[in-house]
């Protein structure tokens, strides 16, 4: 949500993928 708030200033975003650890999340 924070990334979408910041980077949506530059244009329309299609997808955001925040890389997370498979075990801990």
PDBML (XML) file of the C-alpha atoms, coordinates in Angstrom:
<?xml version="1.0" encoding="UTF-8" ?>
<PDBx:datablock datablockName="MODEL"
   xmlns:PDBx="http://pdbml.pdb.org/schema/pdbx-v50.xsd"
   xmlns:xsi="http://www.w3.org/2001/XMLSchema-instance"
   xsi:schemaLocation="http://pdbml.pdb.org/schema/pdbx-v50.xsd pdbx-v50.xsd">
   <PDBx:atom_siteCategory>
      <PDBx:atom_site id="1">
         <PDBx:B_iso_or_equiv>0.00</PDBx:B_iso_or_equiv>
         <PDBx:Cartn_x>0.000</PDBx:Cartn_x>
         <PDBx:Cartn_y>0.000</PDBx:Cartn_y>
         <PDBx:Cartn_z>0.000</PDBx:Cartn_z>
         <PDBx:auth_asym_id>A</PDBx:auth_asym_id>
         <PDBx:auth_atom_id>CA</PDBx:auth_atom_id>
         <PDBx:auth_comp_id>UNK</PDBx:auth_comp_id>
         <PDBx:auth_seq_id>1</PDBx:auth_seq_id>
         <PDBx:group_PDB>ATOM</PDBx:group_PDB>
         <PDBx:label_alt_id xsi:nil="true" />
         <PDBx:label_asym_id>A</PDBx:label_asym_id>
         <PDBx:label_atom_id>CA</PDBx:label_atom_id>
         <PDBx:label_comp_id>UNK</PDBx:label_comp_id>
         <PDBx:label_entity_id>1</PDBx:label_entity_id>
         <PDBx:label_seq_id>1</PDBx:label_seq_id>
         <PDBx:occupancy>1.00</PDBx:occupancy>
         <PDBx:pdbx_PDB_model_num>1</PDBx:pdbx_PDB_model_num>
         <PDBx:type_symbol>C</PDBx:type_symbol>
      </PDBx:atom_site>
      <PDBx:atom_site id="2">
         <PDBx:B_iso_or_equiv>0.00</PDBx:B_iso_or_equiv>
         <PDBx:Cartn_x>2.849</PDBx:Cartn_x>
         <PDBx:Cartn_y>2.401</PDBx:Cartn_y>
         <PDBx:Cartn_z>0.807</PDBx:Cartn_z>
         <PDBx:auth_asym_id>A</PDBx:auth_asym_id>
         <PDBx:auth_atom_id>CA</PDBx:auth_atom_id>
         <PDBx:auth_comp_id>UNK</PDBx:auth_comp_id>
         <PDBx:auth_seq_id>2</PDBx:auth_seq_id>
         <PDBx:group_PDB>ATOM</PDBx:group_PDB>
         <PDBx:label_alt_id xsi:nil="true" />
         <PDBx:label_asym_id>A</PDBx:label_asym_id>
         <PDBx:label_atom_id>CA</PDBx:label_atom_id>
         <PDBx:label_comp_id>UNK</PDBx:label_comp_id>
         <PDBx:label_entity_id>1</PDBx:label_entity_id>
         <PDBx:label_seq_id>2</PDBx:label_seq_id>
         <PDBx:occupancy>1.00</PDBx:occupancy>
         <PDBx:pdbx_PDB_model_num>1</PDBx:pdbx_PDB_model_num>
         <PDBx:type_symbol>C</PDBx:type_symbol>
      </PDBx:atom_site>
      <PDBx:atom_site id="3">
         <PDBx:B_iso_or_equiv>0.00</PDBx:B_iso_or_equiv>
         <PDBx:Cartn_x>4.591</PDBx:Cartn_x>
         <PDBx:Cartn_y>1.612</PDBx:Cartn_y>
         <PDBx:Cartn_z>-2.472</PDBx:Cartn_z>
         <PDBx:auth_asym_id>A</PDBx:auth_asym_id>
         <PDBx:auth_atom_id>CA</PDBx:auth_atom_id>
         <PDBx:auth_comp_id>UNK</PDBx:auth_comp_id>
         <PDBx:auth_seq_id>3</PDBx:auth_seq_id>
         <PDBx:group_PDB>ATOM</PDBx:group_PDB>
         <PDBx:label_alt_id xsi:nil="true" />
         <PDBx:label_asym_id>A</PDBx:label_asym_id>
         <PDBx:label_atom_id>CA</PDBx:label_atom_id>
         <PDBx:label_comp_id>UNK</PDBx:label_comp_id>
         <PDBx:label_entity_id>1</PDBx:label_entity_id>
         <PDBx:label_seq_id>3</PDBx:label_seq_id>
         <PDBx:occupancy>1.00</PDBx:occupancy>
         <PDBx:pdbx_PDB_model_num>1</PDBx:pdbx_PDB_model_num>
         <PDBx:type_symbol>C</PDBx:type_symbol>
      </PDBx:atom_site>
      <PDBx:atom_site id="4">
         <PDBx:B_iso_or_equiv>0.00</PDBx:B_iso_or_equiv>
         <PDBx:Cartn_x>1.386</PDBx:Cartn_x>
         <PDBx:Cartn_y>2.144</PDBx:Cartn_y>
         <PDBx:Cartn_z>-4.415</PDBx:Cartn_z>
         <PDBx:auth_asym_id>A</PDBx:auth_asym_id>
         <PDBx:auth_atom_id>CA</PDBx:auth_atom_id>
         <PDBx:auth_comp_id>UNK</PDBx:auth_comp_id>
         <PDBx:auth_seq_id>4</PDBx:auth_seq_id>
         <PDBx:group_PDB>ATOM</PDBx:group_PDB>
         <PDBx:label_alt_id xsi:nil="true" />
         <PDBx:label_asym_id>A</PDBx:label_asym_id>
         <PDBx:label_atom_id>CA</PDBx:label_atom_id>
         <PDBx:label_comp_id>UNK</PDBx:label_comp_id>
         <PDBx:label_entity_id>1</PDBx:label_entity_id>
         <PDBx:label_seq_id>4</PDBx:label_seq_id>
         <PDBx:occupancy>1.00</PDBx:occupancy>
         <PDBx:pdbx_PDB_model_num>1</PDBx:pdbx_PDB_model_num>
         <PDBx:type_symbol>C</PDBx:type_symbol>
      </PDBx:atom_site>
      <PDBx:atom_site id="5">
         <PDBx:B_iso_or_equiv>0.00</PDBx:B_iso_or_equiv>
         <PDBx:Cartn_x>0.842</PDBx:Cartn_x>
         <PDBx:Cartn_y>5.486</PDBx:Cartn_y>
         <PDBx:Cartn_z>-2.684</PDBx:Cartn_z>
         <PDBx:auth_asym_id>A</PDBx:auth_asym_id>
         <PDBx:auth_atom_id>CA</PDBx:auth_atom_id>
         <PDBx:auth_comp_id>UNK</PDBx:auth_comp_id>
         <PDBx:auth_seq_id>5</PDBx:auth_seq_id>
         <PDBx:group_PDB>ATOM</PDBx:group_PDB>
         <PDBx:label_alt_id xsi:nil="true" />
         <PDBx:label_asym_id>A</PDBx:label_asym_id>
         <PDBx:label_atom_id>CA</PDBx:label_atom_id>
         <PDBx:label_comp_id>UNK</PDBx:label_comp_id>
         <PDBx:label_entity_id>1</PDBx:label_entity_id>
         <PDBx:label_seq_id>5</PDBx:label_seq_id>
         <PDBx:occupancy>1.00</PDBx:occupancy>
         <PDBx:pdbx_PDB_model_num>1</PDBx:pdbx_PDB_model_num>
         <PDBx:type_symbol>C</PDBx:type_symbol>
      </PDBx:atom_site>
      <PDBx:atom_site id="6">
         <PDBx:B_iso_or_equiv>0.00</PDBx:B_iso_or_equiv>
         <PDBx:Cartn_x>4.333</PDBx:Cartn_x>
         <PDBx:Cartn_y>6.717</PDBx:Cartn_y>
         <PDBx:Cartn_z>-3.599</PDBx:Cartn_z>
         <PDBx:auth_asym_id>A</PDBx:auth_asym_id>
         <PDBx:auth_atom_id>CA</PDBx:auth_atom_id>
         <PDBx:auth_comp_id>UNK</PDBx:auth_comp_id>
         <PDBx:auth_seq_id>6</PDBx:auth_seq_id>
         <PDBx:group_PDB>ATOM</PDBx:group_PDB>
         <PDBx:label_alt_id xsi:nil="true" />
         <PDBx:label_asym_id>A</PDBx:label_asym_id>
         <PDBx:label_atom_id>CA</PDBx:label_atom_id>
         <PDBx:label_comp_id>UNK</PDBx:label_comp_id>
         <PDBx:label_entity_id>1</PDBx:label_entity_id>
         <PDBx:label_seq_id>6</PDBx:label_seq_id>
         <PDBx:occupancy>1.00</PDBx:occupancy>
         <PDBx:pdbx_PDB_model_num>1</PDBx:pdbx_PDB_model_num>
         <PDBx:type_symbol>C</PDBx:type_symbol>
      </PDBx:atom_site>
      <PDBx:atom_site id="7">
         <PDBx:B_iso_or_equiv>0.00</PDBx:B_iso_or_equiv>
         <PDBx:Cartn_x>4.782</PDBx:Cartn_x>
         <PDBx:Cartn_y>5.322</PDBx:Cartn_y>
         <PDBx:Cartn_z>-7.118</PDBx:Cartn_z>
         <PDBx:auth_asym_id>A</PDBx:auth_asym_id>
         <PDBx:auth_atom_id>CA</PDBx:auth_atom_id>
         <PDBx:auth_comp_id>UNK</PDBx:auth_comp_id>
         <PDBx:auth_seq_id>7</PDBx:auth_seq_id>
         <PDBx:group_PDB>ATOM</PDBx:group_PDB>
         <PDBx:label_alt_id xsi:nil="true" />
         <PDBx:label_asym_id>A</PDBx:label_asym_id>
         <PDBx:label_atom_id>CA</PDBx:label_atom_id>
         <PDBx:label_comp_id>UNK</PDBx:label_comp_id>
         <PDBx:label_entity_id>1</PDBx:label_entity_id>
         <PDBx:label_seq_id>7</PDBx:label_seq_id>
         <PDBx:occupancy>1.00</PDBx:occupancy>
         <PDBx:pdbx_PDB_model_num>1</PDBx:pdbx_PDB_model_num>
         <PDBx:type_symbol>C</PDBx:type_symbol>
      </PDBx:atom_site>
      <PDBx:atom_site id="8">
         <PDBx:B_iso_or_equiv>0.00</PDBx:B_iso_or_equiv>
         <PDBx:Cartn_x>1.270</PDBx:Cartn_x>
         <PDBx:Cartn_y>6.080</PDBx:Cartn_y>
         <PDBx:Cartn_z>-8.356</PDBx:Cartn_z>
         <PDBx:auth_asym_id>A</PDBx:auth_asym_id>
         <PDBx:auth_atom_id>CA</PDBx:auth_atom_id>
         <PDBx:auth_comp_id>UNK</PDBx:auth_comp_id>
         <PDBx:auth_seq_id>8</PDBx:auth_seq_id>
         <PDBx:group_PDB>ATOM</PDBx:group_PDB>
         <PDBx:label_alt_id xsi:nil="true" />
         <PDBx:label_asym_id>A</PDBx:label_asym_id>
         <PDBx:label_atom_id>CA</PDBx:label_atom_id>
         <PDBx:label_comp_id>UNK</PDBx:label_comp_id>
         <PDBx:label_entity_id>1</PDBx:label_entity_id>
         <PDBx:label_seq_id>8</PDBx:label_seq_id>
         <PDBx:occupancy>1.00</PDBx:occupancy>
         <PDBx:pdbx_PDB_model_num>1</PDBx:pdbx_PDB_model_num>
         <PDBx:type_symbol>C</PDBx:type_symbol>
      </PDBx:atom_site>
      <PDBx:atom_site id="9">
         <PDBx:B_iso_or_equiv>0.00</PDBx:B_iso_or_equiv>
         <PDBx:Cartn_x>2.358</PDBx:Cartn_x>
         <PDBx:Cartn_y>9.740</PDBx:Cartn_y>
         <PDBx:Cartn_z>-8.559</PDBx:Cartn_z>
         <PDBx:auth_asym_id>A</PDBx:auth_asym_id>
         <PDBx:auth_atom_id>CA</PDBx:auth_atom_id>
         <PDBx:auth_comp_id>UNK</PDBx:auth_comp_id>
         <PDBx:auth_seq_id>9</PDBx:auth_seq_id>
         <PDBx:group_PDB>ATOM</PDBx:group_PDB>
         <PDBx:label_alt_id xsi:nil="true" />
         <PDBx:label_asym_id>A</PDBx:label_asym_id>
         <PDBx:label_atom_id>CA</PDBx:label_atom_id>
         <PDBx:label_comp_id>UNK</PDBx:label_comp_id>
         <PDBx:label_entity_id>1</PDBx:label_entity_id>
         <PDBx:label_seq_id>9</PDBx:label_seq_id>
         <PDBx:occupancy>1.00</PDBx:occupancy>
         <PDBx:pdbx_PDB_model_num>1</PDBx:pdbx_PDB_model_num>
         <PDBx:type_symbol>C</PDBx:type_symbol>
      </PDBx:atom_site>
      <PDBx:atom_site id="10">
         <PDBx:B_iso_or_equiv>0.00</PDBx:B_iso_or_equiv>
         <PDBx:Cartn_x>4.274</PDBx:Cartn_x>
         <PDBx:Cartn_y>8.972</PDBx:Cartn_y>
         <PDBx:Cartn_z>-11.740</PDBx:Cartn_z>
         <PDBx:auth_asym_id>A</PDBx:auth_asym_id>
         <PDBx:auth_atom_id>CA</PDBx:auth_atom_id>
         <PDBx:auth_comp_id>UNK</PDBx:auth_comp_id>
         <PDBx:auth_seq_id>10</PDBx:auth_seq_id>
         <PDBx:group_PDB>ATOM</PDBx:group_PDB>
         <PDBx:label_alt_id xsi:nil="true" />
         <PDBx:label_asym_id>A</PDBx:label_asym_id>
         <PDBx:label_atom_id>CA</PDBx:label_atom_id>
         <PDBx:label_comp_id>UNK</PDBx:label_comp_id>
         <PDBx:label_entity_id>1</PDBx:label_entity_id>
         <PDBx:label_seq_id>10</PDBx:label_seq_id>
         <PDBx:occupancy>1.00</PDBx:occupancy>
         <PDBx:pdbx_PDB_model_num>1</PDBx:pdbx_PDB_model_num>
         <PDBx:type_symbol>C</PDBx:type_symbol>
      </PDBx:atom_site>
      <PDBx:atom_site id="11">
         <PDBx:B_iso_or_equiv>0.00</PDBx:B_iso_or_equiv>
         <PDBx:Cartn_x>1.508</PDBx:Cartn_x>
         <PDBx:Cartn_y>7.103</PDBx:Cartn_y>
         <PDBx:Cartn_z>-13.581</PDBx:Cartn_z>
         <PDBx:auth_asym_id>A</PDBx:auth_asym_id>
         <PDBx:auth_atom_id>CA</PDBx:auth_atom_id>
         <PDBx:auth_comp_id>UNK</PDBx:auth_comp_id>
         <PDBx:auth_seq_id>11</PDBx:auth_seq_id>
         <PDBx:group_PDB>ATOM</PDBx:group_PDB>
         <PDBx:label_alt_id xsi:nil="true" />
         <PDBx:label_asym_id>A</PDBx:label_asym_id>
         <PDBx:label_atom_id>CA</PDBx:label_atom_id>
         <PDBx:label_comp_id>UNK</PDBx:label_comp_id>
         <PDBx:label_entity_id>1</PDBx:label_entity_id>
         <PDBx:label_seq_id>11</PDBx:label_seq_id>
         <PDBx:occupancy>1.00</PDBx:occupancy>
         <PDBx:pdbx_PDB_model_num>1</PDBx:pdbx_PDB_model_num>
         <PDBx:type_symbol>C</PDBx:type_symbol>
      </PDBx:atom_site>
      <PDBx:atom_site id="12">
         <PDBx:B_iso_or_equiv>0.00</PDBx:B_iso_or_equiv>
         <PDBx:Cartn_x>-0.972</PDBx:Cartn_x>
         <PDBx:Cartn_y>4.258</PDBx:Cartn_y>
         <PDBx:Cartn_z>-13.544</PDBx:Cartn_z>
         <PDBx:auth_asym_id>A</PDBx:auth_asym_id>
         <PDBx:auth_atom_id>CA</PDBx:auth_atom_id>
         <PDBx:auth_comp_id>UNK</PDBx:auth_comp_id>
         <PDBx:auth_seq_id>12</PDBx:auth_seq_id>
         <PDBx:group_PDB>ATOM</PDBx:group_PDB>
         <PDBx:label_alt_id xsi:nil="true" />
         <PDBx:label_asym_id>A</PDBx:label_asym_id>
         <PDBx:label_atom_id>CA</PDBx:label_atom_id>
         <PDBx:label_comp_id>UNK</PDBx:label_comp_id>
         <PDBx:label_entity_id>1</PDBx:label_entity_id>
         <PDBx:label_seq_id>12</PDBx:label_seq_id>
         <PDBx:occupancy>1.00</PDBx:occupancy>
         <PDBx:pdbx_PDB_model_num>1</PDBx:pdbx_PDB_model_num>
         <PDBx:type_symbol>C</PDBx:type_symbol>
      </PDBx:atom_site>
      <PDBx:atom_site id="13">
         <PDBx:B_iso_or_equiv>0.00</PDBx:B_iso_or_equiv>
         <PDBx:Cartn_x>0.337</PDBx:Cartn_x>
         <PDBx:Cartn_y>1.064</PDBx:Cartn_y>
         <PDBx:Cartn_z>-11.963</PDBx:Cartn_z>
         <PDBx:auth_asym_id>A</PDBx:auth_asym_id>
         <PDBx:auth_atom_id>CA</PDBx:auth_atom_id>
         <PDBx:auth_comp_id>UNK</PDBx:auth_comp_id>
         <PDBx:auth_seq_id>13</PDBx:auth_seq_id>
         <PDBx:group_PDB>ATOM</PDBx:group_PDB>
         <PDBx:label_alt_id xsi:nil="true" />
         <PDBx:label_asym_id>A</PDBx:label_asym_id>
         <PDBx:label_atom_id>CA</PDBx:label_atom_id>
         <PDBx:label_comp_id>UNK</PDBx:label_comp_id>
         <PDBx:label_entity_id>1</PDBx:label_entity_id>
         <PDBx:label_seq_id>13</PDBx:label_seq_id>
         <PDBx:occupancy>1.00</PDBx:occupancy>
         <PDBx:pdbx_PDB_model_num>1</PDBx:pdbx_PDB_model_num>
         <PDBx:type_symbol>C</PDBx:type_symbol>
      </PDBx:atom_site>
      <PDBx:atom_site id="14">
         <PDBx:B_iso_or_equiv>0.00</PDBx:B_iso_or_equiv>
         <PDBx:Cartn_x>-0.637</PDBx:Cartn_x>
         <PDBx:Cartn_y>-2.316</PDBx:Cartn_y>
         <PDBx:Cartn_z>-13.320</PDBx:Cartn_z>
         <PDBx:auth_asym_id>A</PDBx:auth_asym_id>
         <PDBx:auth_atom_id>CA</PDBx:auth_atom_id>
         <PDBx:auth_comp_id>UNK</PDBx:auth_comp_id>
         <PDBx:auth_seq_id>14</PDBx:auth_seq_id>
         <PDBx:group_PDB>ATOM</PDBx:group_PDB>
         <PDBx:label_alt_id xsi:nil="true" />
         <PDBx:label_asym_id>A</PDBx:label_asym_id>
         <PDBx:label_atom_id>CA</PDBx:label_atom_id>
         <PDBx:label_comp_id>UNK</PDBx:label_comp_id>
         <PDBx:label_entity_id>1</PDBx:label_entity_id>
         <PDBx:label_seq_id>14</PDBx:label_seq_id>
         <PDBx:occupancy>1.00</PDBx:occupancy>
         <PDBx:pdbx_PDB_model_num>1</PDBx:pdbx_PDB_model_num>
         <PDBx:type_symbol>C</PDBx:type_symbol>
      </PDBx:atom_site>
      <PDBx:atom_site id="15">
         <PDBx:B_iso_or_equiv>0.00</PDBx:B_iso_or_equiv>
         <PDBx:Cartn_x>0.961</PDBx:Cartn_x>
         <PDBx:Cartn_y>-4.554</PDBx:Cartn_y>
         <PDBx:Cartn_z>-10.690</PDBx:Cartn_z>
         <PDBx:auth_asym_id>A</PDBx:auth_asym_id>
         <PDBx:auth_atom_id>CA</PDBx:auth_atom_id>
         <PDBx:auth_comp_id>UNK</PDBx:auth_comp_id>
         <PDBx:auth_seq_id>15</PDBx:auth_seq_id>
         <PDBx:group_PDB>ATOM</PDBx:group_PDB>
         <PDBx:label_alt_id xsi:nil="true" />
         <PDBx:label_asym_id>A</PDBx:label_asym_id>
         <PDBx:label_atom_id>CA</PDBx:label_atom_id>
         <PDBx:label_comp_id>UNK</PDBx:label_comp_id>
         <PDBx:label_entity_id>1</PDBx:label_entity_id>
         <PDBx:label_seq_id>15</PDBx:label_seq_id>
         <PDBx:occupancy>1.00</PDBx:occupancy>
         <PDBx:pdbx_PDB_model_num>1</PDBx:pdbx_PDB_model_num>
         <PDBx:type_symbol>C</PDBx:type_symbol>
      </PDBx:atom_site>
      <PDBx:atom_site id="16">
         <PDBx:B_iso_or_equiv>0.00</PDBx:B_iso_or_equiv>
         <PDBx:Cartn_x>3.151</PDBx:Cartn_x>
         <PDBx:Cartn_y>-4.402</PDBx:Cartn_y>
         <PDBx:Cartn_z>-7.565</PDBx:Cartn_z>
         <PDBx:auth_asym_id>A</PDBx:auth_asym_id>
         <PDBx:auth_atom_id>CA</PDBx:auth_atom_id>
         <PDBx:auth_comp_id>UNK</PDBx:auth_comp_id>
         <PDBx:auth_seq_id>16</PDBx:auth_seq_id>
         <PDBx:group_PDB>ATOM</PDBx:group_PDB>
         <PDBx:label_alt_id xsi:nil="true" />
         <PDBx:label_asym_id>A</PDBx:label_asym_id>
         <PDBx:label_atom_id>CA</PDBx:label_atom_id>
         <PDBx:label_comp_id>UNK</PDBx:label_comp_id>
         <PDBx:label_entity_id>1</PDBx:label_entity_id>
         <PDBx:label_seq_id>16</PDBx:label_seq_id>
         <PDBx:occupancy>1.00</PDBx:occupancy>
         <PDBx:pdbx_PDB_model_num>1</PDBx:pdbx_PDB_model_num>
         <PDBx:type_symbol>C</PDBx:type_symbol>
      </PDBx:atom_site>
      <PDBx:atom_site id="17">
         <PDBx:B_iso_or_equiv>0.00</PDBx:B_iso_or_equiv>
         <PDBx:Cartn_x>5.077</PDBx:Cartn_x>
         <PDBx:Cartn_y>-7.462</PDBx:Cartn_y>
         <PDBx:Cartn_z>-6.390</PDBx:Cartn_z>
         <PDBx:auth_asym_id>A</PDBx:auth_asym_id>
         <PDBx:auth_atom_id>CA</PDBx:auth_atom_id>
         <PDBx:auth_comp_id>UNK</PDBx:auth_comp_id>
         <PDBx:auth_seq_id>17</PDBx:auth_seq_id>
         <PDBx:group_PDB>ATOM</PDBx:group_PDB>
         <PDBx:label_alt_id xsi:nil="true" />
         <PDBx:label_asym_id>A</PDBx:label_asym_id>
         <PDBx:label_atom_id>CA</PDBx:label_atom_id>
         <PDBx:label_comp_id>UNK</PDBx:label_comp_id>
         <PDBx:label_entity_id>1</PDBx:label_entity_id>
         <PDBx:label_seq_id>17</PDBx:label_seq_id>
         <PDBx:occupancy>1.00</PDBx:occupancy>
         <PDBx:pdbx_PDB_model_num>1</PDBx:pdbx_PDB_model_num>
         <PDBx:type_symbol>C</PDBx:type_symbol>
      </PDBx:atom_site>
      <PDBx:atom_site id="18">
         <PDBx:B_iso_or_equiv>0.00</PDBx:B_iso_or_equiv>
         <PDBx:Cartn_x>6.802</PDBx:Cartn_x>
         <PDBx:Cartn_y>-7.111</PDBx:Cartn_y>
         <PDBx:Cartn_z>-3.023</PDBx:Cartn_z>
         <PDBx:auth_asym_id>A</PDBx:auth_asym_id>
         <PDBx:auth_atom_id>CA</PDBx:auth_atom_id>
         <PDBx:auth_comp_id>UNK</PDBx:auth_comp_id>
         <PDBx:auth_seq_id>18</PDBx:auth_seq_id>
         <PDBx:group_PDB>ATOM</PDBx:group_PDB>
         <PDBx:label_alt_id xsi:nil="true" />
         <PDBx:label_asym_id>A</PDBx:label_asym_id>
         <PDBx:label_atom_id>CA</PDBx:label_atom_id>
         <PDBx:label_comp_id>UNK</PDBx:label_comp_id>
         <PDBx:label_entity_id>1</PDBx:label_entity_id>
         <PDBx:label_seq_id>18</PDBx:label_seq_id>
         <PDBx:occupancy>1.00</PDBx:occupancy>
         <PDBx:pdbx_PDB_model_num>1</PDBx:pdbx_PDB_model_num>
         <PDBx:type_symbol>C</PDBx:type_symbol>
      </PDBx:atom_site>
      <PDBx:atom_site id="19">
         <PDBx:B_iso_or_equiv>0.00</PDBx:B_iso_or_equiv>
         <PDBx:Cartn_x>9.183</PDBx:Cartn_x>
         <PDBx:Cartn_y>-10.060</PDBx:Cartn_y>
         <PDBx:Cartn_z>-2.638</PDBx:Cartn_z>
         <PDBx:auth_asym_id>A</PDBx:auth_asym_id>
         <PDBx:auth_atom_id>CA</PDBx:auth_atom_id>
         <PDBx:auth_comp_id>UNK</PDBx:auth_comp_id>
         <PDBx:auth_seq_id>19</PDBx:auth_seq_id>
         <PDBx:group_PDB>ATOM</PDBx:group_PDB>
         <PDBx:label_alt_id xsi:nil="true" />
         <PDBx:label_asym_id>A</PDBx:label_asym_id>
         <PDBx:label_atom_id>CA</PDBx:label_atom_id>
         <PDBx:label_comp_id>UNK</PDBx:label_comp_id>
         <PDBx:label_entity_id>1</PDBx:label_entity_id>
         <PDBx:label_seq_id>19</PDBx:label_seq_id>
         <PDBx:occupancy>1.00</PDBx:occupancy>
         <PDBx:pdbx_PDB_model_num>1</PDBx:pdbx_PDB_model_num>
         <PDBx:type_symbol>C</PDBx:type_symbol>
      </PDBx:atom_site>
      <PDBx:atom_site id="20">
         <PDBx:B_iso_or_equiv>0.00</PDBx:B_iso_or_equiv>
         <PDBx:Cartn_x>8.652</PDBx:Cartn_x>
         <PDBx:Cartn_y>-11.908</PDBx:Cartn_y>
         <PDBx:Cartn_z>0.641</PDBx:Cartn_z>
         <PDBx:auth_asym_id>A</PDBx:auth_asym_id>
         <PDBx:auth_atom_id>CA</PDBx:auth_atom_id>
         <PDBx:auth_comp_id>UNK</PDBx:auth_comp_id>
         <PDBx:auth_seq_id>20</PDBx:auth_seq_id>
         <PDBx:group_PDB>ATOM</PDBx:group_PDB>
         <PDBx:label_alt_id xsi:nil="true" />
         <PDBx:label_asym_id>A</PDBx:label_asym_id>
         <PDBx:label_atom_id>CA</PDBx:label_atom_id>
         <PDBx:label_comp_id>UNK</PDBx:label_comp_id>
         <PDBx:label_entity_id>1</PDBx:label_entity_id>
         <PDBx:label_seq_id>20</PDBx:label_seq_id>
         <PDBx:occupancy>1.00</PDBx:occupancy>
         <PDBx:pdbx_PDB_model_num>1</PDBx:pdbx_PDB_model_num>
         <PDBx:type_symbol>C</PDBx:type_symbol>
      </PDBx:atom_site>
      <PDBx:atom_site id="21">
         <PDBx:B_iso_or_equiv>0.00</PDBx:B_iso_or_equiv>
         <PDBx:Cartn_x>10.253</PDBx:Cartn_x>
         <PDBx:Cartn_y>-14.872</PDBx:Cartn_y>
         <PDBx:Cartn_z>2.360</PDBx:Cartn_z>
         <PDBx:auth_asym_id>A</PDBx:auth_asym_id>
         <PDBx:auth_atom_id>CA</PDBx:auth_atom_id>
         <PDBx:auth_comp_id>UNK</PDBx:auth_comp_id>
         <PDBx:auth_seq_id>21</PDBx:auth_seq_id>
         <PDBx:group_PDB>ATOM</PDBx:group_PDB>
         <PDBx:label_alt_id xsi:nil="true" />
         <PDBx:label_asym_id>A</PDBx:label_asym_id>
         <PDBx:label_atom_id>CA</PDBx:label_atom_id>
         <PDBx:label_comp_id>UNK</PDBx:label_comp_id>
         <PDBx:label_entity_id>1</PDBx:label_entity_id>
         <PDBx:label_seq_id>21</PDBx:label_seq_id>
         <PDBx:occupancy>1.00</PDBx:occupancy>
         <PDBx:pdbx_PDB_model_num>1</PDBx:pdbx_PDB_model_num>
         <PDBx:type_symbol>C</PDBx:type_symbol>
      </PDBx:atom_site>
      <PDBx:atom_site id="22">
         <PDBx:B_iso_or_equiv>0.00</PDBx:B_iso_or_equiv>
         <PDBx:Cartn_x>8.402</PDBx:Cartn_x>
         <PDBx:Cartn_y>-18.118</PDBx:Cartn_y>
         <PDBx:Cartn_z>1.601</PDBx:Cartn_z>
         <PDBx:auth_asym_id>A</PDBx:auth_asym_id>
         <PDBx:auth_atom_id>CA</PDBx:auth_atom_id>
         <PDBx:auth_comp_id>UNK</PDBx:auth_comp_id>
         <PDBx:auth_seq_id>22</PDBx:auth_seq_id>
         <PDBx:group_PDB>ATOM</PDBx:group_PDB>
         <PDBx:label_alt_id xsi:nil="true" />
         <PDBx:label_asym_id>A</PDBx:label_asym_id>
         <PDBx:label_atom_id>CA</PDBx:label_atom_id>
         <PDBx:label_comp_id>UNK</PDBx:label_comp_id>
         <PDBx:label_entity_id>1</PDBx:label_entity_id>
         <PDBx:label_seq_id>22</PDBx:label_seq_id>
         <PDBx:occupancy>1.00</PDBx:occupancy>
         <PDBx:pdbx_PDB_model_num>1</PDBx:pdbx_PDB_model_num>
         <PDBx:type_symbol>C</PDBx:type_symbol>
      </PDBx:atom_site>
      <PDBx:atom_site id="23">
         <PDBx:B_iso_or_equiv>0.00</PDBx:B_iso_or_equiv>
         <PDBx:Cartn_x>8.665</PDBx:Cartn_x>
         <PDBx:Cartn_y>-19.382</PDBx:Cartn_y>
         <PDBx:Cartn_z>5.187</PDBx:Cartn_z>
         <PDBx:auth_asym_id>A</PDBx:auth_asym_id>
         <PDBx:auth_atom_id>CA</PDBx:auth_atom_id>
         <PDBx:auth_comp_id>UNK</PDBx:auth_comp_id>
         <PDBx:auth_seq_id>23</PDBx:auth_seq_id>
         <PDBx:group_PDB>ATOM</PDBx:group_PDB>
         <PDBx:label_alt_id xsi:nil="true" />
         <PDBx:label_asym_id>A</PDBx:label_asym_id>
         <PDBx:label_atom_id>CA</PDBx:label_atom_id>
         <PDBx:label_comp_id>UNK</PDBx:label_comp_id>
         <PDBx:label_entity_id>1</PDBx:label_entity_id>
         <PDBx:label_seq_id>23</PDBx:label_seq_id>
         <PDBx:occupancy>1.00</PDBx:occupancy>
         <PDBx:pdbx_PDB_model_num>1</PDBx:pdbx_PDB_model_num>
         <PDBx:type_symbol>C</PDBx:type_symbol>
      </PDBx:atom_site>
      <PDBx:atom_site id="24">
         <PDBx:B_iso_or_equiv>0.00</PDBx:B_iso_or_equiv>
         <PDBx:Cartn_x>8.252</PDBx:Cartn_x>
         <PDBx:Cartn_y>-16.297</PDBx:Cartn_y>
         <PDBx:Cartn_z>7.400</PDBx:Cartn_z>
         <PDBx:auth_asym_id>A</PDBx:auth_asym_id>
         <PDBx:auth_atom_id>CA</PDBx:auth_atom_id>
         <PDBx:auth_comp_id>UNK</PDBx:auth_comp_id>
         <PDBx:auth_seq_id>24</PDBx:auth_seq_id>
         <PDBx:group_PDB>ATOM</PDBx:group_PDB>
         <PDBx:label_alt_id xsi:nil="true" />
         <PDBx:label_asym_id>A</PDBx:label_asym_id>
         <PDBx:label_atom_id>CA</PDBx:label_atom_id>
         <PDBx:label_comp_id>UNK</PDBx:label_comp_id>
         <PDBx:label_entity_id>1</PDBx:label_entity_id>
         <PDBx:label_seq_id>24</PDBx:label_seq_id>
         <PDBx:occupancy>1.00</PDBx:occupancy>
         <PDBx:pdbx_PDB_model_num>1</PDBx:pdbx_PDB_model_num>
         <PDBx:type_symbol>C</PDBx:type_symbol>
      </PDBx:atom_site>
      <PDBx:atom_site id="25">
         <PDBx:B_iso_or_equiv>0.00</PDBx:B_iso_or_equiv>
         <PDBx:Cartn_x>6.339</PDBx:Cartn_x>
         <PDBx:Cartn_y>-14.067</PDBx:Cartn_y>
         <PDBx:Cartn_z>4.989</PDBx:Cartn_z>
         <PDBx:auth_asym_id>A</PDBx:auth_asym_id>
         <PDBx:auth_atom_id>CA</PDBx:auth_atom_id>
         <PDBx:auth_comp_id>UNK</PDBx:auth_comp_id>
         <PDBx:auth_seq_id>25</PDBx:auth_seq_id>
         <PDBx:group_PDB>ATOM</PDBx:group_PDB>
         <PDBx:label_alt_id xsi:nil="true" />
         <PDBx:label_asym_id>A</PDBx:label_asym_id>
         <PDBx:label_atom_id>CA</PDBx:label_atom_id>
         <PDBx:label_comp_id>UNK</PDBx:label_comp_id>
         <PDBx:label_entity_id>1</PDBx:label_entity_id>
         <PDBx:label_seq_id>25</PDBx:label_seq_id>
         <PDBx:occupancy>1.00</PDBx:occupancy>
         <PDBx:pdbx_PDB_model_num>1</PDBx:pdbx_PDB_model_num>
         <PDBx:type_symbol>C</PDBx:type_symbol>
      </PDBx:atom_site>
   </PDBx:atom_siteCategory>
</PDBx:datablock>
